[in-house]
Amino acid sequence: MPALPEQTDAHLAAALAAANGRSAEVLVHDGPLRQSIVALKAGTELGEHNAPPAASLQVLVGEVRVTAPDGDVDLAGGDLWLLTHERHAVLALTDAVFLLTTVTSIPKPA
């Protein structure tokens, strides 16, 4: 797998060339853990969606806005944010790339 800076550059170029203004790929998949790289062209939004049991977003390049019922948060390169458990959306304020870490399920105690 190419290093994260190369992945960032490649996905941003792909997002800028894509009709929908986005590019994404799952980089790590280990049981319920997923780490995905997501690139968005400025003005592109990932519409409102449900949150997994646990998730964080780390901005690698650019600026994004996370919108949620408990308030909007603007994040820039290097920022790490714990995503809300509420429905939320992500809007690219500039051309942006972020690393999305999710846990898709939480085992029930025995």
PDB file of N, CA and C in Angstrom:
ATOM      1  N   MET A   1       0.856  -1.175   0.000  1.00  0.00           N
ATOM      2  CA  MET A   1       0.000   0.000   0.000  1.00  0.00           C
ATOM      3  C   MET A   1       0.900   1.235   0.000  1.00  0.00           C
ATOM      4  N   PRO A   2       0.614   2.197  -0.870  1.00  0.00           N
ATOM      5  CA  PRO A   2       1.396   3.444  -0.870  1.00  0.00           C
ATOM      6  C   PRO A   2       1.245   4.183   0.460  1.00  0.00           C
ATOM      7  N   ALA A   3       2.229   4.991   0.799  1.00  0.00           N
ATOM      8  CA  ALA A   3       2.196   5.785   2.028  1.00  0.00           C
ATOM      9  C   ALA A   3       1.039   6.785   1.977  1.00  0.00           C
ATOM     10  N   LEU A   4       0.624   7.228   3.154  1.00  0.00           N
ATOM     11  CA  LEU A   4      -0.523   8.132   3.256  1.00  0.00           C
ATOM     12  C   LEU A   4      -0.372   9.408   2.432  1.00  0.00           C
ATOM     13  N   PRO A   5       0.796  10.057   2.389  1.00  0.00           N
ATOM     14  CA  PRO A   5       0.896  11.259   1.544  1.00  0.00           C
ATOM     15  C   PRO A   5       0.624  10.959   0.060  1.00  0.00           C
ATOM     16  N   GLU A   6       1.090   9.828  -0.434  1.00  0.00           N
ATOM     17  CA  GLU A   6       0.824   9.464  -1.835  1.00  0.00           C
ATOM     18  C   GLU A   6      -0.651   9.139  -2.039  1.00  0.00           C
ATOM     19  N   GLN A   7      -1.260   8.459  -1.058  1.00  0.00           N
ATOM     20  CA  GLN A   7      -2.698   8.167  -1.120  1.00  0.00           C
ATOM     21  C   GLN A   7      -3.500   9.479  -1.139  1.00  0.00           C
ATOM     22  N   THR A   8      -3.080  10.418  -0.302  1.00  0.00           N
ATOM     23  CA  THR A   8      -3.760  11.714  -0.226  1.00  0.00           C
ATOM     24  C   THR A   8      -3.722  12.415  -1.581  1.00  0.00           C
ATOM     25  N   ASP A   9      -2.552  12.495  -2.168  1.00  0.00           N
ATOM     26  CA  ASP A   9      -2.403  13.153  -3.469  1.00  0.00           C
ATOM     27  C   ASP A   9      -3.224  12.462  -4.547  1.00  0.00           C
ATOM     28  N   ALA A  10      -3.176  11.131  -4.589  1.00  0.00           N
ATOM     29  CA  ALA A  10      -3.892  10.370  -5.617  1.00  0.00           C
ATOM     30  C   ALA A  10      -5.399  10.531  -5.491  1.00  0.00           C
ATOM     31  N   HIS A  11      -5.906  10.474  -4.263  1.00  0.00           N
ATOM     32  CA  HIS A  11      -7.359  10.588  -4.084  1.00  0.00           C
ATOM     33  C   HIS A  11      -7.853  12.010  -4.314  1.00  0.00           C
ATOM     34  N   LEU A  12      -7.048  12.997  -3.966  1.00  0.00           N
ATOM     35  CA  LEU A  12      -7.462  14.372  -4.245  1.00  0.00           C
ATOM     36  C   LEU A  12      -7.516  14.604  -5.751  1.00  0.00           C
ATOM     37  N   ALA A  13      -6.519  14.107  -6.488  1.00  0.00           N
ATOM     38  CA  ALA A  13      -6.538  14.240  -7.955  1.00  0.00           C
ATOM     39  C   ALA A  13      -7.755  13.532  -8.536  1.00  0.00           C
ATOM     40  N   ALA A  14      -8.073  12.350  -8.009  1.00  0.00           N
ATOM     41  CA  ALA A  14      -9.236  11.598  -8.499  1.00  0.00           C
ATOM     42  C   ALA A  14     -10.540  12.333  -8.197  1.00  0.00           C
ATOM     43  N   ALA A  15     -10.649  12.924  -7.008  1.00  0.00           N
ATOM     44  CA  ALA A  15     -11.859  13.672  -6.649  1.00  0.00           C
ATOM     45  C   ALA A  15     -12.035  14.889  -7.543  1.00  0.00           C
ATOM     46  N   LEU A  16     -10.940  15.581  -7.827  1.00  0.00           N
ATOM     47  CA  LEU A  16     -11.030  16.770  -8.677  1.00  0.00           C
ATOM     48  C   LEU A  16     -11.446  16.412 -10.096  1.00  0.00           C
ATOM     49  N   ALA A  17     -11.113  15.194 -10.542  1.00  0.00           N
ATOM     50  CA  ALA A  17     -11.465  14.753 -11.892  1.00  0.00           C
ATOM     51  C   ALA A  17     -12.838  14.080 -11.960  1.00  0.00           C
ATOM     52  N   ALA A  18     -13.383  13.673 -10.820  1.00  0.00           N
ATOM     53  CA  ALA A  18     -14.639  12.920 -10.794  1.00  0.00           C
ATOM     54  C   ALA A  18     -15.852  13.833 -10.934  1.00  0.00           C
ATOM     55  N   ALA A  19     -16.852  13.347 -11.633  1.00  0.00           N
ATOM     56  CA  ALA A  19     -18.079  14.126 -11.817  1.00  0.00           C
ATOM     57  C   ALA A  19     -18.768  14.419 -10.484  1.00  0.00           C
ATOM     58  N   ASN A  20     -18.667  13.481  -9.526  1.00  0.00           N
ATOM     59  CA  ASN A  20     -19.328  13.686  -8.234  1.00  0.00           C
ATOM     60  C   ASN A  20     -18.432  14.395  -7.221  1.00  0.00           C
ATOM     61  N   GLY A  21     -17.191  14.716  -7.599  1.00  0.00           N
ATOM     62  CA  GLY A  21     -16.300  15.481  -6.738  1.00  0.00           C
ATOM     63  C   GLY A  21     -15.760  14.733  -5.543  1.00  0.00           C
ATOM     64  N   ARG A  22     -15.725  13.395  -5.626  1.00  0.00           N
ATOM     65  CA  ARG A  22     -15.225  12.635  -4.475  1.00  0.00           C
ATOM     66  C   ARG A  22     -14.460  11.401  -4.901  1.00  0.00           C
ATOM     67  N   SER A  23     -13.613  10.943  -3.997  1.00  0.00           N
ATOM     68  CA  SER A  23     -12.873   9.700  -4.177  1.00  0.00           C
ATOM     69  C   SER A  23     -12.651   9.113  -2.796  1.00  0.00           C
ATOM     70  N   ALA A  24     -12.809   7.798  -2.672  1.00  0.00           N
ATOM     71  CA  ALA A  24     -12.642   7.162  -1.365  1.00  0.00           C
ATOM     72  C   ALA A  24     -12.166   5.730  -1.539  1.00  0.00           C
ATOM     73  N   GLU A  25     -11.501   5.238  -0.497  1.00  0.00           N
ATOM     74  CA  GLU A  25     -11.015   3.862  -0.509  1.00  0.00           C
ATOM     75  C   GLU A  25     -10.834   3.399   0.936  1.00  0.00           C
ATOM     76  N   VAL A  26     -11.212   2.157   1.198  1.00  0.00           N
ATOM     77  CA  VAL A  26     -10.930   1.557   2.502  1.00  0.00           C
ATOM     78  C   VAL A  26      -9.470   1.142   2.495  1.00  0.00           C
ATOM     79  N   LEU A  27      -8.693   1.666   3.432  1.00  0.00           N
ATOM     80  CA  LEU A  27      -7.272   1.349   3.521  1.00  0.00           C
ATOM     81  C   LEU A  27      -6.998   0.220   4.508  1.00  0.00           C
ATOM     82  N   VAL A  28      -7.761   0.175   5.593  1.00  0.00           N
ATOM     83  CA  VAL A  28      -7.590  -0.842   6.630  1.00  0.00           C
ATOM     84  C   VAL A  28      -8.952  -1.448   6.922  1.00  0.00           C
ATOM     85  N   HIS A  29      -9.009  -2.788   6.960  1.00  0.00           N
ATOM     86  CA  HIS A  29     -10.241  -3.492   7.289  1.00  0.00           C
ATOM     87  C   HIS A  29      -9.836  -4.670   8.175  1.00  0.00           C
ATOM     88  N   ASP A  30     -10.097  -4.539   9.459  1.00  0.00           N
ATOM     89  CA  ASP A  30      -9.734  -5.571  10.418  1.00  0.00           C
ATOM     90  C   ASP A  30     -10.912  -5.777  11.354  1.00  0.00           C
ATOM     91  N   GLY A  31     -11.689  -6.828  11.109  1.00  0.00           N
ATOM     92  CA  GLY A  31     -12.894  -7.042  11.905  1.00  0.00           C
ATOM     93  C   GLY A  31     -13.810  -5.851  11.773  1.00  0.00           C
ATOM     94  N   PRO A  32     -14.254  -5.266  12.905  1.00  0.00           N
ATOM     95  CA  PRO A  32     -15.155  -4.116  12.834  1.00  0.00           C
ATOM     96  C   PRO A  32     -14.435  -2.786  12.587  1.00  0.00           C
ATOM     97  N   LEU A  33     -13.089  -2.805  12.560  1.00  0.00           N
ATOM     98  CA  LEU A  33     -12.329  -1.574  12.358  1.00  0.00           C
ATOM     99  C   LEU A  33     -12.156  -1.286  10.878  1.00  0.00           C
ATOM    100  N   ARG A  34     -12.444  -0.040  10.488  1.00  0.00           N
ATOM    101  CA  ARG A  34     -12.217   0.407   9.120  1.00  0.00           C
ATOM    102  C   ARG A  34     -11.511   1.757   9.166  1.00  0.00           C
ATOM    103  N   GLN A  35     -10.533   1.922   8.281  1.00  0.00           N
ATOM    104  CA  GLN A  35      -9.944   3.239   8.068  1.00  0.00           C
ATOM    105  C   GLN A  35     -10.026   3.512   6.583  1.00  0.00           C
ATOM    106  N   SER A  36     -10.681   4.609   6.258  1.00  0.00           N
ATOM    107  CA  SER A  36     -10.904   4.972   4.864  1.00  0.00           C
ATOM    108  C   SER A  36     -10.330   6.354   4.608  1.00  0.00           C
ATOM    109  N   ILE A  37      -9.801   6.528   3.410  1.00  0.00           N
ATOM    110  CA  ILE A  37      -9.369   7.852   2.979  1.00  0.00           C
ATOM    111  C   ILE A  37     -10.478   8.399   2.089  1.00  0.00           C
ATOM    112  N   VAL A  38     -10.858   9.641   2.334  1.00  0.00           N
ATOM    113  CA  VAL A  38     -11.944  10.279   1.590  1.00  0.00           C
ATOM    114  C   VAL A  38     -11.444  11.636   1.103  1.00  0.00           C
ATOM    115  N   ALA A  39     -11.574  11.879  -0.193  1.00  0.00           N
ATOM    116  CA  ALA A  39     -11.204  13.161  -0.782  1.00  0.00           C
ATOM    117  C   ALA A  39     -12.458  13.803  -1.363  1.00  0.00           C
ATOM    118  N   LEU A  40     -12.609  15.094  -1.116  1.00  0.00           N
ATOM    119  CA  LEU A  40     -13.768  15.843  -1.614  1.00  0.00           C
ATOM    120  C   LEU A  40     -13.303  17.134  -2.263  1.00  0.00           C
ATOM    121  N   LYS A  41     -13.856  17.414  -3.429  1.00  0.00           N
ATOM    122  CA  LYS A  41     -13.631  18.700  -4.096  1.00  0.00           C
ATOM    123  C   LYS A  41     -14.383  19.777  -3.319  1.00  0.00           C
ATOM    124  N   ALA A  42     -13.849  20.981  -3.270  1.00  0.00           N
ATOM    125  CA  ALA A  42     -14.507  22.086  -2.560  1.00  0.00           C
ATOM    126  C   ALA A  42     -15.973  22.176  -2.954  1.00  0.00           C
ATOM    127  N   GLY A  43     -16.847  22.293  -1.947  1.00  0.00           N
ATOM    128  CA  GLY A  43     -18.283  22.405  -2.183  1.00  0.00           C
ATOM    129  C   GLY A  43     -19.014  21.076  -2.222  1.00  0.00           C
ATOM    130  N   THR A  44     -18.293  19.980  -2.247  1.00  0.00           N
ATOM    131  CA  THR A  44     -18.912  18.653  -2.274  1.00  0.00           C
ATOM    132  C   THR A  44     -19.306  18.257  -0.853  1.00  0.00           C
ATOM    133  N   GLU A  45     -20.466  17.635  -0.726  1.00  0.00           N
ATOM    134  CA  GLU A  45     -20.956  17.232   0.588  1.00  0.00           C
ATOM    135  C   GLU A  45     -21.251  15.746   0.611  1.00  0.00           C
ATOM    136  N   LEU A  46     -20.884  15.115   1.718  1.00  0.00           N
ATOM    137  CA  LEU A  46     -21.383  13.782   2.022  1.00  0.00           C
ATOM    138  C   LEU A  46     -22.650  14.051   2.812  1.00  0.00           C
ATOM    139  N   GLY A  47     -23.785  13.814   2.194  1.00  0.00           N
ATOM    140  CA  GLY A  47     -25.064  14.163   2.798  1.00  0.00           C
ATOM    141  C   GLY A  47     -25.273  13.515   4.149  1.00  0.00           C
ATOM    142  N   GLU A  48     -26.273  13.993   4.844  1.00  0.00           N
ATOM    143  CA  GLU A  48     -26.567  13.508   6.191  1.00  0.00           C
ATOM    144  C   GLU A  48     -26.692  11.993   6.195  1.00  0.00           C
ATOM    145  N   HIS A  49     -26.036  11.372   7.170  1.00  0.00           N
ATOM    146  CA  HIS A  49     -26.046   9.915   7.282  1.00  0.00           C
ATOM    147  C   HIS A  49     -25.906   9.512   8.747  1.00  0.00           C
ATOM    148  N   ASN A  50     -26.261   8.265   9.034  1.00  0.00           N
ATOM    149  CA  ASN A  50     -26.143   7.748  10.389  1.00  0.00           C
ATOM    150  C   ASN A  50     -24.688   7.499  10.733  1.00  0.00           C
ATOM    151  N   ALA A  51     -24.375   7.613  11.993  1.00  0.00           N
ATOM    152  CA  ALA A  51     -23.021   7.364  12.472  1.00  0.00           C
ATOM    153  C   ALA A  51     -22.886   5.908  12.892  1.00  0.00           C
ATOM    154  N   PRO A  52     -21.700   5.316  12.692  1.00  0.00           N
ATOM    155  CA  PRO A  52     -21.454   3.978  13.218  1.00  0.00           C
ATOM    156  C   PRO A  52     -21.308   4.055  14.742  1.00  0.00           C
ATOM    157  N   PRO A  53     -21.143   2.923  15.415  1.00  0.00           N
ATOM    158  CA  PRO A  53     -21.007   2.953  16.873  1.00  0.00           C
ATOM    159  C   PRO A  53     -19.866   3.843  17.377  1.00  0.00           C
ATOM    160  N   ALA A  54     -18.778   3.944  16.613  1.00  0.00           N
ATOM    161  CA  ALA A  54     -17.674   4.826  16.991  1.00  0.00           C
ATOM    162  C   ALA A  54     -16.972   5.281  15.721  1.00  0.00           C
ATOM    163  N   ALA A  55     -16.554   6.561  15.694  1.00  0.00           N
ATOM    164  CA  ALA A  55     -15.878   7.080  14.500  1.00  0.00           C
ATOM    165  C   ALA A  55     -15.107   8.346  14.831  1.00  0.00           C
ATOM    166  N   SER A  56     -14.017   8.545  14.095  1.00  0.00           N
ATOM    167  CA  SER A  56     -13.269   9.799  14.167  1.00  0.00           C
ATOM    168  C   SER A  56     -12.892  10.212  12.754  1.00  0.00           C
ATOM    169  N   LEU A  57     -12.639  11.492  12.602  1.00  0.00           N
ATOM    170  CA  LEU A  57     -12.257  12.058  11.316  1.00  0.00           C
ATOM    171  C   LEU A  57     -10.995  12.884  11.551  1.00  0.00           C
ATOM    172  N   GLN A  58      -9.941  12.611  10.781  1.00  0.00           N
ATOM    173  CA  GLN A  58      -8.719  13.401  10.858  1.00  0.00           C
ATOM    174  C   GLN A  58      -8.484  14.038   9.502  1.00  0.00           C
ATOM    175  N   VAL A  59      -8.460  15.359   9.476  1.00  0.00           N
ATOM    176  CA  VAL A  59      -8.244  16.081   8.227  1.00  0.00           C
ATOM    177  C   VAL A  59      -6.759  16.026   7.882  1.00  0.00           C
ATOM    178  N   LEU A  60      -6.479  15.555   6.670  1.00  0.00           N
ATOM    179  CA  LEU A  60      -5.105  15.476   6.193  1.00  0.00           C
ATOM    180  C   LEU A  60      -4.731  16.721   5.395  1.00  0.00           C
ATOM    181  N   VAL A  61      -5.678  17.205   4.573  1.00  0.00           N
ATOM    182  CA  VAL A  61      -5.457  18.363   3.704  1.00  0.00           C
ATOM    183  C   VAL A  61      -6.758  19.136   3.600  1.00  0.00           C
ATOM    184  N   GLY A  62      -6.683  20.451   3.618  1.00  0.00           N
ATOM    185  CA  GLY A  62      -7.857  21.279   3.370  1.00  0.00           C
ATOM    186  C   GLY A  62      -8.697  21.522   4.606  1.00  0.00           C
ATOM    187  N   GLU A  63      -9.972  21.882   4.361  1.00  0.00           N
ATOM    188  CA  GLU A  63     -10.901  22.225   5.437  1.00  0.00           C
ATOM    189  C   GLU A  63     -12.257  21.604   5.164  1.00  0.00           C
ATOM    190  N   VAL A  64     -12.886  21.062   6.212  1.00  0.00           N
ATOM    191  CA  VAL A  64     -14.221  20.492   6.108  1.00  0.00           C
ATOM    192  C   VAL A  64     -15.095  21.025   7.238  1.00  0.00           C
ATOM    193  N   ARG A  65     -16.385  20.931   7.034  1.00  0.00           N
ATOM    194  CA  ARG A  65     -17.357  21.272   8.082  1.00  0.00           C
ATOM    195  C   ARG A  65     -18.176  20.013   8.364  1.00  0.00           C
ATOM    196  N   VAL A  66     -18.220  19.618   9.629  1.00  0.00           N
ATOM    197  CA  VAL A  66     -19.082  18.522  10.059  1.00  0.00           C
ATOM    198  C   VAL A  66     -20.332  19.171  10.614  1.00  0.00           C
ATOM    199  N   THR A  67     -21.488  18.842  10.037  1.00  0.00           N
ATOM    200  CA  THR A  67     -22.746  19.415  10.486  1.00  0.00           C
ATOM    201  C   THR A  67     -23.533  18.335  11.207  1.00  0.00           C
ATOM    202  N   ALA A  68     -24.077  18.701  12.359  1.00  0.00           N
ATOM    203  CA  ALA A  68     -24.840  17.757  13.174  1.00  0.00           C
ATOM    204  C   ALA A  68     -25.826  18.527  14.039  1.00  0.00           C
ATOM    205  N   PRO A  69     -26.830  17.831  14.577  1.00  0.00           N
ATOM    206  CA  PRO A  69     -27.824  18.511  15.406  1.00  0.00           C
ATOM    207  C   PRO A  69     -27.220  19.234  16.609  1.00  0.00           C
ATOM    208  N   ASP A  70     -26.106  18.734  17.135  1.00  0.00           N
ATOM    209  CA  ASP A  70     -25.514  19.378  18.312  1.00  0.00           C
ATOM    210  C   ASP A  70     -24.548  20.507  17.947  1.00  0.00           C
ATOM    211  N   GLY A  71     -24.510  20.884  16.663  1.00  0.00           N
ATOM    212  CA  GLY A  71     -23.697  22.014  16.231  1.00  0.00           C
ATOM    213  C   GLY A  71     -22.709  21.654  15.144  1.00  0.00           C
ATOM    214  N   ASP A  72     -22.313  22.665  14.372  1.00  0.00           N
ATOM    215  CA  ASP A  72     -21.350  22.484  13.284  1.00  0.00           C
ATOM    216  C   ASP A  72     -19.938  22.722  13.799  1.00  0.00           C
ATOM    217  N   VAL A  73     -18.981  21.997  13.189  1.00  0.00           N
ATOM    218  CA  VAL A  73     -17.581  22.147  13.560  1.00  0.00           C
ATOM    219  C   VAL A  73     -16.772  22.245  12.282  1.00  0.00           C
ATOM    220  N   ASP A  74     -15.936  23.292  12.188  1.00  0.00           N
ATOM    221  CA  ASP A  74     -15.021  23.448  11.067  1.00  0.00           C
ATOM    222  C   ASP A  74     -13.667  22.878  11.467  1.00  0.00           C
ATOM    223  N   LEU A  75     -13.107  22.041  10.603  1.00  0.00           N
ATOM    224  CA  LEU A  75     -11.839  21.370  10.871  1.00  0.00           C
ATOM    225  C   LEU A  75     -10.871  21.643   9.732  1.00  0.00           C
ATOM    226  N   ALA A  76      -9.589  21.747  10.056  1.00  0.00           N
ATOM    227  CA  ALA A  76      -8.551  22.001   9.056  1.00  0.00           C
ATOM    228  C   ALA A  76      -7.456  20.955   9.186  1.00  0.00           C
ATOM    229  N   GLY A  77      -6.540  20.955   8.213  1.00  0.00           N
ATOM    230  CA  GLY A  77      -5.457  19.987   8.173  1.00  0.00           C
ATOM    231  C   GLY A  77      -4.820  19.757   9.535  1.00  0.00           C
ATOM    232  N   GLY A  78      -4.733  18.495   9.946  1.00  0.00           N
ATOM    233  CA  GLY A  78      -4.161  18.117  11.230  1.00  0.00           C
ATOM    234  C   GLY A  78      -5.182  17.942  12.332  1.00  0.00           C
ATOM    235  N   ASP A  79      -6.389  18.510  12.170  1.00  0.00           N
ATOM    236  CA  ASP A  79      -7.415  18.384  13.208  1.00  0.00           C
ATOM    237  C   ASP A  79      -7.967  16.965  13.253  1.00  0.00           C
ATOM    238  N   LEU A  80      -8.212  16.499  14.466  1.00  0.00           N
ATOM    239  CA  LEU A  80      -8.819  15.194  14.711  1.00  0.00           C
ATOM    240  C   LEU A  80     -10.100  15.423  15.486  1.00  0.00           C
ATOM    241  N   TRP A  81     -11.194  14.786  15.051  1.00  0.00           N
ATOM    242  CA  TRP A  81     -12.499  15.041  15.660  1.00  0.00           C
ATOM    243  C   TRP A  81     -13.218  13.730  15.904  1.00  0.00           C
ATOM    244  N   LEU A  82     -13.773  13.577  17.091  1.00  0.00           N
ATOM    245  CA  LEU A  82     -14.625  12.451  17.420  1.00  0.00           C
ATOM    246  C   LEU A  82     -16.000  12.755  16.840  1.00  0.00           C
ATOM    247  N   LEU A  83     -16.465  11.909  15.952  1.00  0.00           N
ATOM    248  CA  LEU A  83     -17.752  12.168  15.305  1.00  0.00           C
ATOM    249  C   LEU A  83     -18.912  11.882  16.253  1.00  0.00           C
ATOM    250  N   THR A  84     -19.941  12.645  16.090  1.00  0.00           N
ATOM    251  CA  THR A  84     -21.150  12.509  16.889  1.00  0.00           C
ATOM    252  C   THR A  84     -21.829  11.164  16.629  1.00  0.00           C
ATOM    253  N   HIS A  85     -22.613  10.729  17.576  1.00  0.00           N
ATOM    254  CA  HIS A  85     -23.409   9.514  17.380  1.00  0.00           C
ATOM    255  C   HIS A  85     -24.748   9.855  16.726  1.00  0.00           C
ATOM    256  N   GLU A  86     -24.945  11.120  16.427  1.00  0.00           N
ATOM    257  CA  GLU A  86     -26.152  11.591  15.749  1.00  0.00           C
ATOM    258  C   GLU A  86     -25.919  11.598  14.238  1.00  0.00           C
ATOM    259  N   ARG A  87     -26.995  11.729  13.499  1.00  0.00           N
ATOM    260  CA  ARG A  87     -26.855  11.892  12.047  1.00  0.00           C
ATOM    261  C   ARG A  87     -26.017  13.140  11.785  1.00  0.00           C
ATOM    262  N   HIS A  88     -25.177  13.079  10.763  1.00  0.00           N
ATOM    263  CA  HIS A  88     -24.303  14.207  10.462  1.00  0.00           C
ATOM    264  C   HIS A  88     -23.980  14.205   8.977  1.00  0.00           C
ATOM    265  N   ALA A  89     -23.387  15.300   8.514  1.00  0.00           N
ATOM    266  CA  ALA A  89     -22.935  15.442   7.132  1.00  0.00           C
ATOM    267  C   ALA A  89     -21.535  16.039   7.163  1.00  0.00           C
ATOM    268  N   VAL A  90     -20.822  15.911   6.041  1.00  0.00           N
ATOM    269  CA  VAL A  90     -19.487  16.504   5.926  1.00  0.00           C
ATOM    270  C   VAL A  90     -19.448  17.303   4.629  1.00  0.00           C
ATOM    271  N   LEU A  91     -19.073  18.570   4.734  1.00  0.00           N
ATOM    272  CA  LEU A  91     -18.985  19.474   3.597  1.00  0.00           C
ATOM    273  C   LEU A  91     -17.536  19.912   3.429  1.00  0.00           C
ATOM    274  N   ALA A  92     -17.010  19.813   2.216  1.00  0.00           N
ATOM    275  CA  ALA A  92     -15.657  20.299   1.932  1.00  0.00           C
ATOM    276  C   ALA A  92     -15.705  21.806   1.728  1.00  0.00           C
ATOM    277  N   LEU A  93     -15.079  22.554   2.617  1.00  0.00           N
ATOM    278  CA  LEU A  93     -15.003  24.007   2.491  1.00  0.00           C
ATOM    279  C   LEU A  93     -13.938  24.389   1.466  1.00  0.00           C
ATOM    280  N   THR A  94     -12.908  23.561   1.351  1.00  0.00           N
ATOM    281  CA  THR A  94     -11.874  23.671   0.322  1.00  0.00           C
ATOM    282  C   THR A  94     -11.662  22.255  -0.210  1.00  0.00           C
ATOM    283  N   ASP A  95     -10.850  22.087  -1.242  1.00  0.00           N
ATOM    284  CA  ASP A  95     -10.475  20.735  -1.637  1.00  0.00           C
ATOM    285  C   ASP A  95      -9.878  20.086  -0.395  1.00  0.00           C
ATOM    286  N   ALA A  96     -10.343  18.892  -0.045  1.00  0.00           N
ATOM    287  CA  ALA A  96      -9.961  18.308   1.241  1.00  0.00           C
ATOM    288  C   ALA A  96      -9.828  16.794   1.153  1.00  0.00           C
ATOM    289  N   VAL A  97      -8.989  16.273   2.039  1.00  0.00           N
ATOM    290  CA  VAL A  97      -8.825  14.831   2.198  1.00  0.00           C
ATOM    291  C   VAL A  97      -8.816  14.547   3.694  1.00  0.00           C
ATOM    292  N   PHE A  98      -9.550  13.495   4.100  1.00  0.00           N
ATOM    293  CA  PHE A  98      -9.534  13.122   5.508  1.00  0.00           C
ATOM    294  C   PHE A  98      -9.477  11.610   5.656  1.00  0.00           C
ATOM    295  N   LEU A  99      -9.004  11.212   6.821  1.00  0.00           N
ATOM    296  CA  LEU A  99      -8.942   9.807   7.197  1.00  0.00           C
ATOM    297  C   LEU A  99     -10.112   9.553   8.133  1.00  0.00           C
ATOM    298  N   LEU A 100     -10.979   8.643   7.744  1.00  0.00           N
ATOM    299  CA  LEU A 100     -12.154   8.299   8.533  1.00  0.00           C
ATOM    300  C   LEU A 100     -11.907   6.947   9.194  1.00  0.00           C
ATOM    301  N   THR A 101     -11.939   6.924  10.507  1.00  0.00           N
ATOM    302  CA  THR A 101     -11.763   5.682  11.257  1.00  0.00           C
ATOM    303  C   THR A 101     -13.113   5.330  11.872  1.00  0.00           C
ATOM    304  N   THR A 102     -13.584   4.107  11.609  1.00  0.00           N
ATOM    305  CA  THR A 102     -14.880   3.686  12.135  1.00  0.00           C
ATOM    306  C   THR A 102     -14.786   2.311  12.766  1.00  0.00           C
ATOM    307  N   VAL A 103     -15.649   2.099  13.736  1.00  0.00           N
ATOM    308  CA  VAL A 103     -15.895   0.776  14.293  1.00  0.00           C
ATOM    309  C   VAL A 103     -17.334   0.470  13.908  1.00  0.00           C
ATOM    310  N   THR A 104     -17.505  -0.574  13.098  1.00  0.00           N
ATOM    311  CA  THR A 104     -18.822  -0.834  12.507  1.00  0.00           C
ATOM    312  C   THR A 104     -19.741  -1.640  13.402  1.00  0.00           C
ATOM    313  N   SER A 105     -19.194  -2.280  14.424  1.00  0.00           N
ATOM    314  CA  SER A 105     -20.046  -2.997  15.383  1.00  0.00           C
ATOM    315  C   SER A 105     -19.278  -3.119  16.687  1.00  0.00           C
ATOM    316  N   ILE A 106     -20.037  -3.267  17.748  1.00  0.00           N
ATOM    317  CA  ILE A 106     -19.445  -3.454  19.056  1.00  0.00           C
ATOM    318  C   ILE A 106     -19.993  -4.780  19.585  1.00  0.00           C
ATOM    319  N   PRO A 107     -19.088  -5.733  19.890  1.00  0.00           N
ATOM    320  CA  PRO A 107     -19.563  -7.029  20.383  1.00  0.00           C
ATOM    321  C   PRO A 107     -20.334  -6.871  21.681  1.00  0.00           C
ATOM    322  N   LYS A 108     -21.379  -7.669  21.815  1.00  0.00           N
ATOM    323  CA  LYS A 108     -22.152  -7.661  23.042  1.00  0.00           C
ATOM    324  C   LYS A 108     -21.408  -8.494  24.096  1.00  0.00           C
ATOM    325  N   PRO A 109     -21.382  -8.014  25.340  1.00  0.00           N
ATOM    326  CA  PRO A 109     -20.701  -8.774  26.389  1.00  0.00           C
ATOM    327  C   PRO A 109     -21.326 -10.151  26.559  1.00  0.00           C
ATOM    328  N   ALA A 110     -20.506 -11.122  26.901  1.00  0.00           N
ATOM    329  CA  ALA A 110     -20.994 -12.503  27.088  1.00  0.00           C
ATOM    330  C   ALA A 110     -21.731 -12.642  28.392  1.00  0.00           C
TER     331      ALA A 110
END
